[in-house]
């Protein structure tokens, strides 16, 4: 883990020196955890994707408001691949 931290610090310093903005750091073999109310919902259609966030959140508020405080978890990297 120490070697990984050193590598990340080197890369951050490099990006700062050359003026490349850092959008974020991904923790390897980690998962995504996000409150359901922070998600963006998209509906697939013949014309492509359509934003359905407002509709979905309103539906959840009406039918199951307790879901809005739940945290959705997803693996960023599939851990079964080794």
Protein backbone atom coordinates (compact mmCIF):
# COMPACT_ATOMS: atom_id res chain seq x y z
CA UNK A 1 0.00 0.00 0.00
CA UNK A 2 2.86 2.40 0.70
CA UNK A 3 4.19 1.98 -2.84
CA UNK A 4 0.72 2.73 -4.23
CA UNK A 5 0.47 5.91 -2.16
CA UNK A 6 3.91 7.03 -3.37
CA UNK A 7 2.88 6.42 -6.99
CA UNK A 8 -0.34 8.40 -6.58
CA UNK A 9 1.48 11.31 -4.92
CA UNK A 10 4.03 11.36 -7.77
CA UNK A 11 1.26 11.44 -10.36
CA UNK A 12 -0.61 14.23 -8.56
CA UNK A 13 2.58 16.29 -8.36
CA UNK A 14 3.24 15.69 -12.06
CA UNK A 15 -0.28 16.79 -13.00
CA UNK A 16 0.08 19.95 -10.92
CA UNK A 17 3.43 20.79 -12.54
CA UNK A 18 2.15 20.45 -16.11
CA UNK A 19 -1.25 22.02 -15.38
CA UNK A 20 -3.42 18.95 -15.97
CA UNK A 21 -6.57 19.19 -13.85
CA UNK A 22 -7.29 16.22 -11.58
CA UNK A 23 -10.92 15.16 -11.77
CA UNK A 24 -10.65 12.56 -9.05
CA UNK A 25 -8.80 9.54 -7.77
CA UNK A 26 -10.22 6.03 -8.11
CA UNK A 27 -9.44 3.67 -5.28
CA UNK A 28 -8.59 0.34 -6.87
CA UNK A 29 -10.76 -2.65 -5.99
CA UNK A 30 -13.26 -0.38 -4.37
CA UNK A 31 -16.97 0.01 -4.81
CA UNK A 32 -19.26 2.88 -5.57
CA UNK A 33 -21.60 3.88 -2.73
CA UNK A 34 -24.15 6.58 -3.45
CA UNK A 35 -27.40 7.71 -1.87
CA UNK A 36 -30.26 6.83 -4.21
CA UNK A 37 -31.51 10.43 -4.29
CA UNK A 38 -28.15 11.50 -5.82
CA UNK A 39 -28.51 9.22 -8.85
CA UNK A 40 -29.40 10.39 -12.34
CA UNK A 41 -32.07 8.23 -13.96
CA UNK A 42 -32.15 7.69 -17.72
CA UNK A 43 -34.81 6.08 -19.89
CA UNK A 44 -33.71 4.32 -23.07
CA UNK A 45 -35.82 5.03 -26.13
CA UNK A 46 -35.71 4.78 -29.88
CA UNK A 47 -34.27 8.30 -30.09
CA UNK A 48 -31.56 7.61 -27.50
CA UNK A 49 -31.42 8.38 -23.80
CA UNK A 50 -33.94 10.64 -22.11
CA UNK A 51 -33.42 12.09 -18.64
CA UNK A 52 -36.03 10.64 -16.28
CA UNK A 53 -34.50 11.77 -12.98
CA UNK A 54 -37.27 14.15 -11.93
CA UNK A 55 -39.99 11.63 -12.78
CA UNK A 56 -38.18 8.76 -10.99
CA UNK A 57 -37.48 10.73 -7.82
CA UNK A 58 -41.04 12.03 -7.66
CA UNK A 59 -42.35 8.48 -8.13
CA UNK A 60 -40.11 7.17 -5.35
CA UNK A 61 -41.12 10.05 -3.04
CA UNK A 62 -44.77 9.21 -3.61
CA UNK A 63 -44.63 5.41 -3.48
CA UNK A 64 -41.64 4.57 -1.26
CA UNK A 65 -40.00 7.66 0.31
CA UNK A 66 -37.85 5.52 2.63
CA UNK A 67 -35.83 4.45 -0.43
CA UNK A 68 -34.44 7.96 -0.88
CA UNK A 69 -32.16 7.55 2.13
CA UNK A 70 -30.86 4.13 1.08
CA UNK A 71 -27.35 3.75 -0.29
CA UNK A 72 -26.85 1.88 -3.56
CA UNK A 73 -23.61 -0.11 -3.80
CA UNK A 74 -21.87 -1.31 -6.94
CA UNK A 75 -18.44 -2.72 -7.68
CA UNK A 76 -16.36 -0.44 -9.89
CA UNK A 77 -14.04 -3.29 -10.87
CA UNK A 78 -15.30 -6.86 -11.14
CA UNK A 79 -13.48 -8.67 -8.34
CA UNK A 80 -14.20 -12.13 -9.76
CA UNK A 81 -11.71 -11.61 -12.62
CA UNK A 82 -8.67 -11.68 -10.33
